[in-house]
């Protein structure tokens, strides 16, 4: 079974251009994988502006050439596998990164690309971290935890694509691209 990585990049926007932080591989940097990342390929459309004239039949509707779409929320289940000694520190560092509160943070605006879905979006922000973390340990020396994070996707249409590089036979993402 292949493991699909999720890549996240902190962003800031000054009204003219984006400043990008380094690309973070959740598996390599935090020992975390996204169980699923339900980006909407075709989000819901926005309500169209209308006027209901009392003396006319039907409804006067402005229908644009392209239908505008709404921002949306998604809930992502993350899985952590590491040691009991590092579980709290690793998950806390990951959550600080999402909130833009880590050392060297660029911003709390995120670009995210998920290899499993092949979909990436920008202008994603964390809206809530579930405080209930399911923690499982048995005779295995590894610690496993599952927790959920809610995100808001404010730019539901701009595609984020990865640039891959191969170093010593290991393929990884070196940049997340969008226009």
Protein backbone atom coordinates (compact mmCIF):
# COMPACT_ATOMS: atom_id res chain seq x y z
CA UNK A 1 0.00 0.00 0.00
CA UNK A 2 1.41 3.36 -1.03
CA UNK A 3 1.54 6.23 1.42
CA UNK A 4 0.42 9.49 -0.12
CA UNK A 5 1.96 12.58 1.40
CA UNK A 6 0.40 15.93 2.12
CA UNK A 7 2.50 19.01 1.58
CA UNK A 8 1.82 22.34 3.29
CA UNK A 9 3.37 25.74 2.77
CA UNK A 10 2.80 28.82 4.89
CA UNK A 11 1.93 31.95 2.95
CA UNK A 12 1.44 35.64 3.57
CA UNK A 13 -0.14 38.10 1.15
CA UNK A 14 0.49 41.85 1.20
CA UNK A 15 -2.19 42.73 -1.35
CA UNK A 16 0.23 42.50 -4.30
CA UNK A 17 2.22 39.29 -3.94
CA UNK A 18 2.58 36.14 -1.90
CA UNK A 19 5.53 35.37 0.33
CA UNK A 20 6.07 31.61 0.60
CA UNK A 21 7.65 29.63 3.39
CA UNK A 22 9.38 26.33 2.80
CA UNK A 23 7.33 23.30 1.78
CA UNK A 24 6.63 20.98 4.70
CA UNK A 25 6.17 17.24 4.15
CA UNK A 26 3.81 16.25 6.98
CA UNK A 27 5.07 12.66 7.11
CA UNK A 28 8.78 13.47 7.19
CA UNK A 29 8.58 16.63 9.30
CA UNK A 30 5.83 15.76 11.80
CA UNK A 31 5.24 11.96 11.42
CA UNK A 32 1.68 12.78 10.38
CA UNK A 33 -0.42 11.68 7.42
CA UNK A 34 -3.84 12.87 6.33
CA UNK A 35 -6.28 9.97 6.44
CA UNK A 36 -8.28 11.86 3.83
CA UNK A 37 -8.25 15.38 2.44
CA UNK A 38 -11.72 16.06 1.02
CA UNK A 39 -11.01 19.06 -1.18
CA UNK A 40 -14.05 19.88 -3.29
CA UNK A 41 -13.28 19.61 -7.00
CA UNK A 42 -16.59 21.31 -7.80
CA UNK A 43 -17.72 23.41 -4.82
CA UNK A 44 -21.24 24.79 -4.45
CA UNK A 45 -22.09 27.83 -6.51
CA UNK A 46 -22.86 31.20 -4.98
CA UNK A 47 -26.41 32.49 -4.99
CA UNK A 48 -27.05 34.63 -8.05
CA UNK A 49 -28.31 38.22 -7.69
CA UNK A 50 -32.00 38.50 -8.50
CA UNK A 51 -34.86 40.97 -8.65
CA UNK A 52 -38.46 39.94 -8.40
CA UNK A 53 -40.47 42.59 -10.21
CA UNK A 54 -44.10 42.58 -9.06
CA UNK A 55 -45.43 43.39 -12.55
CA UNK A 56 -43.31 40.80 -14.43
CA UNK A 57 -43.53 37.04 -14.68
CA UNK A 58 -40.67 34.95 -13.35
CA UNK A 59 -37.50 36.26 -11.78
CA UNK A 60 -34.89 38.64 -13.20
CA UNK A 61 -31.57 36.84 -12.63
CA UNK A 62 -28.03 37.91 -13.48
CA UNK A 63 -26.33 34.81 -14.89
CA UNK A 64 -22.57 35.31 -15.38
CA UNK A 65 -20.46 33.61 -18.04
CA UNK A 66 -18.79 31.47 -15.35
CA UNK A 67 -20.63 30.49 -12.19
CA UNK A 68 -18.91 31.85 -9.07
CA UNK A 69 -18.35 29.29 -6.30
CA UNK A 70 -18.48 29.54 -2.52
CA UNK A 71 -15.67 29.09 -0.07
CA UNK A 72 -16.09 25.92 1.98
CA UNK A 73 -15.03 24.12 5.14
CA UNK A 74 -13.44 20.70 5.30
CA UNK A 75 -12.62 18.41 8.18
CA UNK A 76 -9.43 16.38 7.88
CA UNK A 77 -8.55 13.35 9.98
CA UNK A 78 -4.82 13.12 10.66
CA UNK A 79 -2.91 10.08 11.88
CA UNK A 80 0.31 10.30 13.88
CA UNK A 81 2.80 7.50 14.42
CA UNK A 82 5.84 8.05 16.57
CA UNK A 83 7.03 7.35 20.08
CA UNK A 84 5.27 8.04 23.35
CA UNK A 85 8.10 10.41 24.26
CA UNK A 86 7.56 12.63 21.20
CA UNK A 87 3.82 12.39 20.49
CA UNK A 88 2.77 15.52 22.38
CA UNK A 89 5.69 17.60 21.13
CA UNK A 90 5.22 16.55 17.48
CA UNK A 91 1.46 17.13 17.39
CA UNK A 92 1.83 20.45 19.25
CA UNK A 93 4.51 21.61 16.79
CA UNK A 94 2.26 20.63 13.85
CA UNK A 95 -0.70 22.56 15.27
CA UNK A 96 1.51 25.60 15.95
CA UNK A 97 2.66 25.41 12.31
CA UNK A 98 -0.95 25.38 11.05
CA UNK A 99 -1.77 28.46 13.14
CA UNK A 100 1.38 30.26 11.97
CA UNK A 101 2.75 30.30 15.51
CA UNK A 102 5.92 28.29 14.91
CA UNK A 103 9.44 29.72 14.93
CA UNK A 104 10.15 31.31 11.56
CA UNK A 105 6.49 31.37 10.55
CA UNK A 106 5.66 33.18 7.32
CA UNK A 107 1.92 33.40 8.01
CA UNK A 108 -1.21 31.46 8.86
CA UNK A 109 -2.46 31.39 5.26
CA UNK A 110 -1.66 27.97 3.77
CA UNK A 111 -1.16 26.28 0.42
CA UNK A 112 -1.88 22.56 0.67
CA UNK A 113 -1.39 19.75 -1.84
CA UNK A 114 -2.52 16.17 -1.21
CA UNK A 115 -0.96 13.45 -3.37
CA UNK A 116 -3.82 11.00 -2.89
CA UNK A 117 -6.47 13.31 -4.32
CA UNK A 118 -4.07 15.15 -6.63
CA UNK A 119 -5.76 18.38 -5.55
CA UNK A 120 -4.19 21.41 -3.94
CA UNK A 121 -5.61 24.76 -2.85
CA UNK A 122 -4.27 28.06 -1.56
CA UNK A 123 -5.69 30.54 0.95
CA UNK A 124 -6.58 27.73 3.32
CA UNK A 125 -6.72 28.52 7.04
CA UNK A 126 -7.19 26.37 10.10
CA UNK A 127 -10.50 27.12 11.78
CA UNK A 128 -10.57 24.54 14.57
CA UNK A 129 -8.51 21.73 16.05
CA UNK A 130 -10.48 18.99 17.75
CA UNK A 131 -9.25 18.73 21.32
CA UNK A 132 -10.17 15.07 21.48
CA UNK A 133 -7.15 13.07 20.37
CA UNK A 134 -7.67 9.33 20.08
CA UNK A 135 -4.48 7.78 21.41
CA UNK A 136 -3.71 4.10 21.04
CA UNK A 137 -0.80 2.21 22.48
CA UNK A 138 -0.32 -1.46 23.19
CA UNK A 139 2.76 -3.67 23.20
CA UNK A 140 4.05 -1.84 20.11
CA UNK A 141 6.77 0.70 21.03
CA UNK A 142 5.20 3.16 18.59
CA UNK A 143 2.45 5.54 19.62
CA UNK A 144 -0.49 6.12 17.33
CA UNK A 145 -2.89 9.05 17.54
CA UNK A 146 -5.80 10.28 15.45
CA UNK A 147 -7.12 13.82 15.56
CA UNK A 148 -9.23 16.12 13.38
CA UNK A 149 -8.61 19.62 12.08
CA UNK A 150 -11.16 21.85 10.37
CA UNK A 151 -10.00 24.15 7.58
CA UNK A 152 -11.69 26.88 5.58
CA UNK A 153 -10.80 27.03 1.89
CA UNK A 154 -11.20 30.68 0.89
CA UNK A 155 -9.92 30.21 -2.68
CA UNK A 156 -11.85 27.17 -3.92
CA UNK A 157 -10.73 27.30 -7.55
CA UNK A 158 -7.02 28.11 -7.84
CA UNK A 159 -5.10 24.90 -8.47
CA UNK A 160 -1.97 24.27 -6.45
CA UNK A 161 0.49 21.94 -8.17
CA UNK A 162 3.76 20.47 -6.91
CA UNK A 163 7.24 20.67 -8.37
CA UNK A 164 9.08 17.42 -7.62
CA UNK A 165 12.79 16.88 -7.21
CA UNK A 166 14.79 13.70 -6.73
CA UNK A 167 17.78 13.67 -4.40
CA UNK A 168 19.72 10.43 -3.88
CA UNK A 169 16.83 8.47 -5.37
CA UNK A 170 14.25 10.01 -3.03
CA UNK A 171 11.45 11.98 -4.67
CA UNK A 172 9.98 14.93 -2.78
CA UNK A 173 8.14 18.18 -3.39
CA UNK A 174 10.37 21.25 -3.62
CA UNK A 175 7.70 23.87 -4.37
CA UNK A 176 3.94 24.41 -4.45
CA UNK A 177 2.88 26.45 -7.45
CA UNK A 178 -0.21 28.56 -8.17
CA UNK A 179 -1.13 31.61 -10.20
